[in-house]
Amino acid sequence: MTQQKEGFYFEDGTSCSEILDGKGIYVYENNDIYKGQFLKSEFHGLGHLTMQKNYIYRGYFRKGKIHGKGILTNESGYKVFGIWANDIFKEHLENEPKF
């Protein structure tokens, strides 16, 4: 995907001005990018969030927040497997979650 302004996009990269349900992309003004499932334009379900501070989260979201099993990877490749609730890390998992 090429550089885009902040907002919602369908998977093919076309702009979406309506409430987004299903799969799509959200690009932040700072170029953080979320790709995954939406419900009423909120991150909801399985998704992938790439942050400019070189962190990547892959896992579950609920009502716009990291919630459920996921993997957080830093810029050096170190991975944390865990369970989050409303954006807060709650529990470490020994094994990589299956999605």
PDB file of N, CA and C in Angstrom:
ATOM      1  N   MET A   1       0.849  -1.179   0.000  1.00  0.00           N
ATOM      2  CA  MET A   1       0.000   0.000   0.000  1.00  0.00           C
ATOM      3  C   MET A   1       0.888   1.233   0.000  1.00  0.00           C
ATOM      4  N   THR A   2       0.541   2.171  -0.829  1.00  0.00           N
ATOM      5  CA  THR A   2       1.313   3.410  -0.892  1.00  0.00           C
ATOM      6  C   THR A   2       0.940   4.325   0.268  1.00  0.00           C
ATOM      7  N   GLN A   3       1.725   5.377   0.459  1.00  0.00           N
ATOM      8  CA  GLN A   3       1.464   6.358   1.515  1.00  0.00           C
ATOM      9  C   GLN A   3       0.057   6.927   1.346  1.00  0.00           C
ATOM     10  N   GLN A   4      -0.746   6.853   2.405  1.00  0.00           N
ATOM     11  CA  GLN A   4      -2.109   7.356   2.332  1.00  0.00           C
ATOM     12  C   GLN A   4      -2.391   8.253   3.515  1.00  0.00           C
ATOM     13  N   LYS A   5      -3.390   9.099   3.369  1.00  0.00           N
ATOM     14  CA  LYS A   5      -3.763   9.966   4.487  1.00  0.00           C
ATOM     15  C   LYS A   5      -4.561   9.161   5.509  1.00  0.00           C
ATOM     16  N   GLU A   6      -4.697   9.736   6.696  1.00  0.00           N
ATOM     17  CA  GLU A   6      -5.389   9.058   7.779  1.00  0.00           C
ATOM     18  C   GLU A   6      -6.813   8.706   7.371  1.00  0.00           C
ATOM     19  N   GLY A   7      -7.234   7.483   7.737  1.00  0.00           N
ATOM     20  CA  GLY A   7      -8.609   7.090   7.458  1.00  0.00           C
ATOM     21  C   GLY A   7      -8.754   5.611   7.207  1.00  0.00           C
ATOM     22  N   PHE A   8      -9.997   5.221   6.883  1.00  0.00           N
ATOM     23  CA  PHE A   8     -10.341   3.826   6.622  1.00  0.00           C
ATOM     24  C   PHE A   8     -10.193   3.507   5.147  1.00  0.00           C
ATOM     25  N   TYR A   9      -9.764   2.263   4.879  1.00  0.00           N
ATOM     26  CA  TYR A   9      -9.610   1.789   3.510  1.00  0.00           C
ATOM     27  C   TYR A   9     -10.078   0.342   3.422  1.00  0.00           C
ATOM     28  N   PHE A  10     -10.612  -0.012   2.257  1.00  0.00           N
ATOM     29  CA  PHE A  10     -10.901  -1.405   1.993  1.00  0.00           C
ATOM     30  C   PHE A  10      -9.581  -2.132   1.735  1.00  0.00           C
ATOM     31  N   GLU A  11      -9.637  -3.457   1.749  1.00  0.00           N
ATOM     32  CA  GLU A  11      -8.410  -4.237   1.555  1.00  0.00           C
ATOM     33  C   GLU A  11      -7.697  -3.910   0.250  1.00  0.00           C
ATOM     34  N   ASP A  12      -8.435  -3.502  -0.769  1.00  0.00           N
ATOM     35  CA  ASP A  12      -7.792  -3.191  -2.052  1.00  0.00           C
ATOM     36  C   ASP A  12      -7.162  -1.800  -2.079  1.00  0.00           C
ATOM     37  N   GLY A  13      -7.272  -1.047  -0.948  1.00  0.00           N
ATOM     38  CA  GLY A  13      -6.645   0.261  -0.862  1.00  0.00           C
ATOM     39  C   GLY A  13      -7.544   1.428  -1.191  1.00  0.00           C
ATOM     40  N   THR A  14      -8.793   1.160  -1.645  1.00  0.00           N
ATOM     41  CA  THR A  14      -9.700   2.262  -1.938  1.00  0.00           C
ATOM     42  C   THR A  14     -10.262   2.835  -0.643  1.00  0.00           C
ATOM     43  N   SER A  15     -10.489   4.124  -0.630  1.00  0.00           N
ATOM     44  CA  SER A  15     -10.964   4.834   0.551  1.00  0.00           C
ATOM     45  C   SER A  15     -12.378   4.402   0.917  1.00  0.00           C
ATOM     46  N   CYS A  16     -12.655   4.383   2.214  1.00  0.00           N
ATOM     47  CA  CYS A  16     -13.968   4.007   2.722  1.00  0.00           C
ATOM     48  C   CYS A  16     -14.474   5.129   3.604  1.00  0.00           C
ATOM     49  N   SER A  17     -15.583   5.754   3.221  1.00  0.00           N
ATOM     50  CA  SER A  17     -16.104   6.867   4.004  1.00  0.00           C
ATOM     51  C   SER A  17     -17.291   6.464   4.871  1.00  0.00           C
ATOM     52  N   GLU A  18     -17.716   5.207   4.779  1.00  0.00           N
ATOM     53  CA  GLU A  18     -18.845   4.717   5.554  1.00  0.00           C
ATOM     54  C   GLU A  18     -18.346   3.920   6.755  1.00  0.00           C
ATOM     55  N   ILE A  19     -19.288   3.496   7.593  1.00  0.00           N
ATOM     56  CA  ILE A  19     -18.932   2.614   8.711  1.00  0.00           C
ATOM     57  C   ILE A  19     -18.407   1.318   8.124  1.00  0.00           C
ATOM     58  N   LEU A  20     -17.276   0.878   8.624  1.00  0.00           N
ATOM     59  CA  LEU A  20     -16.624  -0.305   8.082  1.00  0.00           C
ATOM     60  C   LEU A  20     -16.907  -1.518   8.953  1.00  0.00           C
ATOM     61  N   ASP A  21     -17.510  -2.532   8.363  1.00  0.00           N
ATOM     62  CA  ASP A  21     -17.703  -3.845   8.978  1.00  0.00           C
ATOM     63  C   ASP A  21     -17.021  -4.859   8.073  1.00  0.00           C
ATOM     64  N   GLY A  22     -16.271  -5.778   8.670  1.00  0.00           N
ATOM     65  CA  GLY A  22     -15.547  -6.763   7.883  1.00  0.00           C
ATOM     66  C   GLY A  22     -14.072  -6.430   7.856  1.00  0.00           C
ATOM     67  N   LYS A  23     -13.379  -6.885   6.827  1.00  0.00           N
ATOM     68  CA  LYS A  23     -11.929  -6.670   6.736  1.00  0.00           C
ATOM     69  C   LYS A  23     -11.608  -5.337   6.093  1.00  0.00           C
ATOM     70  N   GLY A  24     -10.541  -4.713   6.616  1.00  0.00           N
ATOM     71  CA  GLY A  24     -10.120  -3.440   6.062  1.00  0.00           C
ATOM     72  C   GLY A  24      -8.813  -2.976   6.658  1.00  0.00           C
ATOM     73  N   ILE A  25      -8.514  -1.707   6.425  1.00  0.00           N
ATOM     74  CA  ILE A  25      -7.240  -1.099   6.840  1.00  0.00           C
ATOM     75  C   ILE A  25      -7.549   0.263   7.449  1.00  0.00           C
ATOM     76  N   TYR A  26      -6.829   0.611   8.516  1.00  0.00           N
ATOM     77  CA  TYR A  26      -6.905   1.970   9.043  1.00  0.00           C
ATOM     78  C   TYR A  26      -5.493   2.524   9.100  1.00  0.00           C
ATOM     79  N   VAL A  27      -5.292   3.693   8.506  1.00  0.00           N
ATOM     80  CA  VAL A  27      -3.998   4.363   8.500  1.00  0.00           C
ATOM     81  C   VAL A  27      -4.106   5.583   9.407  1.00  0.00           C
ATOM     82  N   TYR A  28      -3.198   5.684  10.386  1.00  0.00           N
ATOM     83  CA  TYR A  28      -3.146   6.822  11.295  1.00  0.00           C
ATOM     84  C   TYR A  28      -2.321   7.946  10.680  1.00  0.00           C
ATOM     85  N   GLU A  29      -2.502   9.138  11.182  1.00  0.00           N
ATOM     86  CA  GLU A  29      -1.744  10.294  10.715  1.00  0.00           C
ATOM     87  C   GLU A  29      -0.236  10.071  10.861  1.00  0.00           C
ATOM     88  N   ASN A  30       0.190   9.339  11.916  1.00  0.00           N
ATOM     89  CA  ASN A  30       1.620   9.079  12.133  1.00  0.00           C
ATOM     90  C   ASN A  30       2.124   7.867  11.351  1.00  0.00           C
ATOM     91  N   ASN A  31       1.265   7.318  10.471  1.00  0.00           N
ATOM     92  CA  ASN A  31       1.566   6.176   9.605  1.00  0.00           C
ATOM     93  C   ASN A  31       1.528   4.822  10.301  1.00  0.00           C
ATOM     94  N   ASP A  32       1.064   4.733  11.555  1.00  0.00           N
ATOM     95  CA  ASP A  32       0.742   3.426  12.124  1.00  0.00           C
ATOM     96  C   ASP A  32      -0.354   2.835  11.238  1.00  0.00           C
ATOM     97  N   ILE A  33      -0.344   1.519  11.080  1.00  0.00           N
ATOM     98  CA  ILE A  33      -1.324   0.885  10.197  1.00  0.00           C
ATOM     99  C   ILE A  33      -1.937  -0.328  10.888  1.00  0.00           C
ATOM    100  N   TYR A  34      -3.260  -0.396  10.868  1.00  0.00           N
ATOM    101  CA  TYR A  34      -3.995  -1.572  11.332  1.00  0.00           C
ATOM    102  C   TYR A  34      -4.603  -2.247  10.113  1.00  0.00           C
ATOM    103  N   LYS A  35      -4.418  -3.563  10.034  1.00  0.00           N
ATOM    104  CA  LYS A  35      -5.057  -4.362   8.989  1.00  0.00           C
ATOM    105  C   LYS A  35      -5.777  -5.501   9.686  1.00  0.00           C
ATOM    106  N   GLY A  36      -7.059  -5.640   9.384  1.00  0.00           N
ATOM    107  CA  GLY A  36      -7.785  -6.733  10.012  1.00  0.00           C
ATOM    108  C   GLY A  36      -9.278  -6.527   9.989  1.00  0.00           C
ATOM    109  N   GLN A  37      -9.924  -7.107  10.988  1.00  0.00           N
ATOM    110  CA  GLN A  37     -11.369  -7.087  11.061  1.00  0.00           C
ATOM    111  C   GLN A  37     -11.879  -5.865  11.816  1.00  0.00           C
ATOM    112  N   PHE A  38     -13.028  -5.365  11.350  1.00  0.00           N
ATOM    113  CA  PHE A  38     -13.686  -4.215  11.955  1.00  0.00           C
ATOM    114  C   PHE A  38     -15.135  -4.570  12.279  1.00  0.00           C
ATOM    115  N   LEU A  39     -15.666  -3.920  13.297  1.00  0.00           N
ATOM    116  CA  LEU A  39     -17.087  -3.959  13.602  1.00  0.00           C
ATOM    117  C   LEU A  39     -17.485  -2.532  13.944  1.00  0.00           C
ATOM    118  N   LYS A  40     -18.385  -1.966  13.153  1.00  0.00           N
ATOM    119  CA  LYS A  40     -18.803  -0.568  13.317  1.00  0.00           C
ATOM    120  C   LYS A  40     -17.598   0.369  13.362  1.00  0.00           C
ATOM    121  N   SER A  41     -16.656   0.141  12.462  1.00  0.00           N
ATOM    122  CA  SER A  41     -15.438   0.946  12.293  1.00  0.00           C
ATOM    123  C   SER A  41     -14.477   0.888  13.476  1.00  0.00           C
ATOM    124  N   GLU A  42     -14.632  -0.101  14.367  1.00  0.00           N
ATOM    125  CA  GLU A  42     -13.665  -0.311  15.451  1.00  0.00           C
ATOM    126  C   GLU A  42     -12.906  -1.601  15.175  1.00  0.00           C
ATOM    127  N   PHE A  43     -11.642  -1.632  15.578  1.00  0.00           N
ATOM    128  CA  PHE A  43     -10.867  -2.865  15.465  1.00  0.00           C
ATOM    129  C   PHE A  43     -11.592  -3.913  16.296  1.00  0.00           C
ATOM    130  N   HIS A  44     -11.952  -5.024  15.679  1.00  0.00           N
ATOM    131  CA  HIS A  44     -12.735  -6.025  16.399  1.00  0.00           C
ATOM    132  C   HIS A  44     -12.558  -7.370  15.697  1.00  0.00           C
ATOM    133  N   GLY A  45     -11.880  -8.279  16.375  1.00  0.00           N
ATOM    134  CA  GLY A  45     -11.559  -9.569  15.784  1.00  0.00           C
ATOM    135  C   GLY A  45     -10.057  -9.662  15.582  1.00  0.00           C
ATOM    136  N   LEU A  46      -9.649 -10.487  14.653  1.00  0.00           N
ATOM    137  CA  LEU A  46      -8.227 -10.700  14.395  1.00  0.00           C
ATOM    138  C   LEU A  46      -7.654  -9.550  13.572  1.00  0.00           C
ATOM    139  N   GLY A  47      -6.492  -9.045  14.009  1.00  0.00           N
ATOM    140  CA  GLY A  47      -5.877  -7.938  13.288  1.00  0.00           C
ATOM    141  C   GLY A  47      -4.375  -7.866  13.490  1.00  0.00           C
ATOM    142  N   HIS A  48      -3.776  -6.929  12.777  1.00  0.00           N
ATOM    143  CA  HIS A  48      -2.328  -6.751  12.742  1.00  0.00           C
ATOM    144  C   HIS A  48      -2.058  -5.248  12.812  1.00  0.00           C
ATOM    145  N   LEU A  49      -1.409  -4.788  13.886  1.00  0.00           N
ATOM    146  CA  LEU A  49      -1.125  -3.369  14.080  1.00  0.00           C
ATOM    147  C   LEU A  49       0.377  -3.134  14.002  1.00  0.00           C
ATOM    148  N   THR A  50       0.800  -2.348  13.009  1.00  0.00           N
ATOM    149  CA  THR A  50       2.205  -1.993  12.846  1.00  0.00           C
ATOM    150  C   THR A  50       2.378  -0.554  13.316  1.00  0.00           C
ATOM    151  N   MET A  51       3.246  -0.384  14.316  1.00  0.00           N
ATOM    152  CA  MET A  51       3.444   0.932  14.919  1.00  0.00           C
ATOM    153  C   MET A  51       4.797   1.502  14.510  1.00  0.00           C
ATOM    154  N   GLN A  52       4.871   2.806  14.343  1.00  0.00           N
ATOM    155  CA  GLN A  52       6.088   3.465  13.899  1.00  0.00           C
ATOM    156  C   GLN A  52       7.249   3.302  14.875  1.00  0.00           C
ATOM    157  N   LYS A  53       6.952   2.994  16.111  1.00  0.00           N
ATOM    158  CA  LYS A  53       8.024   2.782  17.087  1.00  0.00           C
ATOM    159  C   LYS A  53       8.587   1.372  16.972  1.00  0.00           C
ATOM    160  N   ASN A  54       8.377   0.760  15.800  1.00  0.00           N
ATOM    161  CA  ASN A  54       8.926  -0.548  15.462  1.00  0.00           C
ATOM    162  C   ASN A  54       8.391  -1.688  16.314  1.00  0.00           C
ATOM    163  N   TYR A  55       7.141  -1.597  16.677  1.00  0.00           N
ATOM    164  CA  TYR A  55       6.447  -2.693  17.346  1.00  0.00           C
ATOM    165  C   TYR A  55       5.344  -3.193  16.426  1.00  0.00           C
ATOM    166  N   ILE A  56       5.137  -4.495  16.472  1.00  0.00           N
ATOM    167  CA  ILE A  56       4.060  -5.103  15.701  1.00  0.00           C
ATOM    168  C   ILE A  56       3.246  -5.968  16.652  1.00  0.00           C
ATOM    169  N   TYR A  57       1.942  -5.768  16.650  1.00  0.00           N
ATOM    170  CA  TYR A  57       1.054  -6.628  17.428  1.00  0.00           C
ATOM    171  C   TYR A  57       0.177  -7.385  16.447  1.00  0.00           C
ATOM    172  N   ARG A  58       0.117  -8.697  16.629  1.00  0.00           N
ATOM    173  CA  ARG A  58      -0.759  -9.549  15.825  1.00  0.00           C
ATOM    174  C   ARG A  58      -1.605 -10.349  16.788  1.00  0.00           C
ATOM    175  N   GLY A  59      -2.912 -10.225  16.669  1.00  0.00           N
ATOM    176  CA  GLY A  59      -3.787 -10.949  17.561  1.00  0.00           C
ATOM    177  C   GLY A  59      -5.185 -10.369  17.559  1.00  0.00           C
ATOM    178  N   TYR A  60      -5.831 -10.507  18.697  1.00  0.00           N
ATOM    179  CA  TYR A  60      -7.241 -10.142  18.789  1.00  0.00           C
ATOM    180  C   TYR A  60      -7.466  -8.752  19.378  1.00  0.00           C
ATOM    181  N   PHE A  61      -8.544  -8.147  18.891  1.00  0.00           N
ATOM    182  CA  PHE A  61      -8.989  -6.828  19.326  1.00  0.00           C
ATOM    183  C   PHE A  61     -10.473  -6.923  19.681  1.00  0.00           C
ATOM    184  N   ARG A  62     -10.914  -6.046  20.584  1.00  0.00           N
ATOM    185  CA  ARG A  62     -12.332  -5.937  20.902  1.00  0.00           C
ATOM    186  C   ARG A  62     -12.663  -4.474  21.145  1.00  0.00           C
ATOM    187  N   LYS A  63     -13.652  -3.991  20.429  1.00  0.00           N
ATOM    188  CA  LYS A  63     -14.112  -2.601  20.552  1.00  0.00           C
ATOM    189  C   LYS A  63     -12.961  -1.599  20.482  1.00  0.00           C
ATOM    190  N   GLY A  64     -12.050  -1.808  19.543  1.00  0.00           N
ATOM    191  CA  GLY A  64     -10.964  -0.861  19.298  1.00  0.00           C
ATOM    192  C   GLY A  64      -9.737  -1.033  20.169  1.00  0.00           C
ATOM    193  N   LYS A  65      -9.722  -2.039  21.043  1.00  0.00           N
ATOM    194  CA  LYS A  65      -8.590  -2.238  21.951  1.00  0.00           C
ATOM    195  C   LYS A  65      -8.007  -3.641  21.801  1.00  0.00           C
ATOM    196  N   ILE A  66      -6.723  -3.759  22.120  1.00  0.00           N
ATOM    197  CA  ILE A  66      -6.077  -5.074  22.128  1.00  0.00           C
ATOM    198  C   ILE A  66      -6.726  -5.883  23.234  1.00  0.00           C
ATOM    199  N   HIS A  67      -7.279  -7.044  22.850  1.00  0.00           N
ATOM    200  CA  HIS A  67      -8.037  -7.822  23.823  1.00  0.00           C
ATOM    201  C   HIS A  67      -8.058  -9.287  23.394  1.00  0.00           C
ATOM    202  N   GLY A  68      -7.419 -10.129  24.182  1.00  0.00           N
ATOM    203  CA  GLY A  68      -7.355 -11.548  23.883  1.00  0.00           C
ATOM    204  C   GLY A  68      -5.920 -11.981  23.637  1.00  0.00           C
ATOM    205  N   LYS A  69      -5.760 -13.134  23.006  1.00  0.00           N
ATOM    206  CA  LYS A  69      -4.420 -13.664  22.731  1.00  0.00           C
ATOM    207  C   LYS A  69      -3.753 -12.875  21.616  1.00  0.00           C
ATOM    208  N   GLY A  70      -2.417 -12.710  21.775  1.00  0.00           N
ATOM    209  CA  GLY A  70      -1.686 -12.004  20.742  1.00  0.00           C
ATOM    210  C   GLY A  70      -0.187 -12.139  20.891  1.00  0.00           C
ATOM    211  N   ILE A  71       0.509 -11.588  19.910  1.00  0.00           N
ATOM    212  CA  ILE A  71       1.971 -11.598  19.874  1.00  0.00           C
ATOM    213  C   ILE A  71       2.439 -10.167  19.656  1.00  0.00           C
ATOM    214  N   LEU A  72       3.311  -9.692  20.532  1.00  0.00           N
ATOM    215  CA  LEU A  72       3.916  -8.370  20.385  1.00  0.00           C
ATOM    216  C   LEU A  72       5.382  -8.578  20.046  1.00  0.00           C
ATOM    217  N   THR A  73       5.818  -8.002  18.923  1.00  0.00           N
ATOM    218  CA  THR A  73       7.192  -8.156  18.455  1.00  0.00           C
ATOM    219  C   THR A  73       7.860  -6.790  18.427  1.00  0.00           C
ATOM    220  N   ASN A  74       9.103  -6.702  18.981  1.00  0.00           N
ATOM    221  CA  ASN A  74       9.812  -5.423  18.937  1.00  0.00           C
ATOM    222  C   ASN A  74      10.755  -5.387  17.747  1.00  0.00           C
ATOM    223  N   GLU A  75      11.466  -4.270  17.578  1.00  0.00           N
ATOM    224  CA  GLU A  75      12.314  -4.076  16.392  1.00  0.00           C
ATOM    225  C   GLU A  75      13.446  -5.077  16.276  1.00  0.00           C
ATOM    226  N   SER A  76      13.890  -5.671  17.389  1.00  0.00           N
ATOM    227  CA  SER A  76      14.964  -6.661  17.323  1.00  0.00           C
ATOM    228  C   SER A  76      14.436  -8.077  17.098  1.00  0.00           C
ATOM    229  N   GLY A  77      13.112  -8.218  16.996  1.00  0.00           N
ATOM    230  CA  GLY A  77      12.519  -9.521  16.740  1.00  0.00           C
ATOM    231  C   GLY A  77      12.093 -10.284  17.982  1.00  0.00           C
ATOM    232  N   TYR A  78      12.316  -9.704  19.167  1.00  0.00           N
ATOM    233  CA  TYR A  78      11.902 -10.349  20.412  1.00  0.00           C
ATOM    234  C   TYR A  78      10.373 -10.384  20.459  1.00  0.00           C
ATOM    235  N   LYS A  79       9.811 -11.560  20.776  1.00  0.00           N
ATOM    236  CA  LYS A  79       8.367 -11.735  20.787  1.00  0.00           C
ATOM    237  C   LYS A  79       7.863 -12.030  22.190  1.00  0.00           C
ATOM    238  N   VAL A  80       6.731 -11.432  22.501  1.00  0.00           N
ATOM    239  CA  VAL A  80       6.027 -11.711  23.747  1.00  0.00           C
ATOM    240  C   VAL A  80       4.689 -12.330  23.362  1.00  0.00           C
ATOM    241  N   PHE A  81       4.436 -13.525  23.865  1.00  0.00           N
ATOM    242  CA  PHE A  81       3.152 -14.193  23.667  1.00  0.00           C
ATOM    243  C   PHE A  81       2.320 -13.930  24.902  1.00  0.00           C
ATOM    244  N   GLY A  82       1.087 -13.482  24.714  1.00  0.00           N
ATOM    245  CA  GLY A  82       0.315 -13.194  25.910  1.00  0.00           C
ATOM    246  C   GLY A  82      -1.152 -12.987  25.681  1.00  0.00           C
ATOM    247  N   ILE A  83      -1.792 -12.604  26.782  1.00  0.00           N
ATOM    248  CA  ILE A  83      -3.211 -12.278  26.780  1.00  0.00           C
ATOM    249  C   ILE A  83      -3.346 -10.838  27.271  1.00  0.00           C
ATOM    250  N   TRP A  84      -4.099 -10.049  26.533  1.00  0.00           N
ATOM    251  CA  TRP A  84      -4.347  -8.650  26.866  1.00  0.00           C
ATOM    252  C   TRP A  84      -5.831  -8.462  27.177  1.00  0.00           C
ATOM    253  N   ALA A  85      -6.134  -7.454  27.980  1.00  0.00           N
ATOM    254  CA  ALA A  85      -7.519  -7.064  28.238  1.00  0.00           C
ATOM    255  C   ALA A  85      -7.593  -5.543  28.196  1.00  0.00           C
ATOM    256  N   ASN A  86      -8.360  -5.025  27.257  1.00  0.00           N
ATOM    257  CA  ASN A  86      -8.523  -3.572  27.104  1.00  0.00           C
ATOM    258  C   ASN A  86      -7.191  -2.835  27.053  1.00  0.00           C
ATOM    259  N   ASP A  87      -6.290  -3.298  26.199  1.00  0.00           N
ATOM    260  CA  ASP A  87      -4.961  -2.719  25.956  1.00  0.00           C
ATOM    261  C   ASP A  87      -3.953  -2.955  27.078  1.00  0.00           C
ATOM    262  N   ILE A  88      -4.287  -3.746  28.071  1.00  0.00           N
ATOM    263  CA  ILE A  88      -3.372  -4.005  29.189  1.00  0.00           C
ATOM    264  C   ILE A  88      -2.906  -5.455  29.153  1.00  0.00           C
ATOM    265  N   PHE A  89      -1.583  -5.654  29.205  1.00  0.00           N
ATOM    266  CA  PHE A  89      -1.019  -7.001  29.232  1.00  0.00           C
ATOM    267  C   PHE A  89      -1.398  -7.660  30.551  1.00  0.00           C
ATOM    268  N   LYS A  90      -1.981  -8.879  30.458  1.00  0.00           N
ATOM    269  CA  LYS A  90      -2.466  -9.560  31.654  1.00  0.00           C
ATOM    270  C   LYS A  90      -1.703 -10.837  31.988  1.00  0.00           C
ATOM    271  N   GLU A  91      -1.331 -11.593  30.965  1.00  0.00           N
ATOM    272  CA  GLU A  91      -0.768 -12.916  31.233  1.00  0.00           C
ATOM    273  C   GLU A  91       0.195 -13.343  30.134  1.00  0.00           C
ATOM    274  N   HIS A  92       1.333 -13.896  30.534  1.00  0.00           N
ATOM    275  CA  HIS A  92       2.324 -14.428  29.599  1.00  0.00           C
ATOM    276  C   HIS A  92       1.926 -15.836  29.190  1.00  0.00           C
ATOM    277  N   LEU A  93       2.072 -16.150  27.902  1.00  0.00           N
ATOM    278  CA  LEU A  93       1.836 -17.498  27.399  1.00  0.00           C
ATOM    279  C   LEU A  93       3.174 -18.117  27.031  1.00  0.00           C
ATOM    280  N   GLU A  94       3.357 -19.372  27.359  1.00  0.00           N
ATOM    281  CA  GLU A  94       4.609 -20.071  27.046  1.00  0.00           C
ATOM    282  C   GLU A  94       4.771 -20.338  25.557  1.00  0.00           C
ATOM    283  N   ASN A  95       3.666 -20.612  24.879  1.00  0.00           N
ATOM    284  CA  ASN A  95       3.720 -20.991  23.468  1.00  0.00           C
ATOM    285  C   ASN A  95       3.030 -19.950  22.597  1.00  0.00           C
ATOM    286  N   GLU A  96       3.472 -19.897  21.361  1.00  0.00           N
ATOM    287  CA  GLU A  96       2.899 -18.952  20.408  1.00  0.00           C
ATOM    288  C   GLU A  96       1.441 -19.300  20.146  1.00  0.00           C
ATOM    289  N   PRO A  97       0.543 -18.320  20.271  1.00  0.00           N
ATOM    290  CA  PRO A  97      -0.883 -18.600  20.004  1.00  0.00           C
ATOM    291  C   PRO A  97      -1.114 -18.922  18.537  1.00  0.00           C
ATOM    292  N   LYS A  98      -2.081 -19.763  18.280  1.00  0.00           N
ATOM    293  CA  LYS A  98      -2.472 -20.113  16.907  1.00  0.00           C
ATOM    294  C   LYS A  98      -3.644 -19.228  16.506  1.00  0.00           C
ATOM    295  N   PHE A  99      -3.593 -18.696  15.288  1.00  0.00           N
ATOM    296  CA  PHE A  99      -4.664 -17.824  14.799  1.00  0.00           C
ATOM    297  C   PHE A  99      -5.328 -18.445  13.591  1.00  0.00           C
TER     298      PHE A  99
END
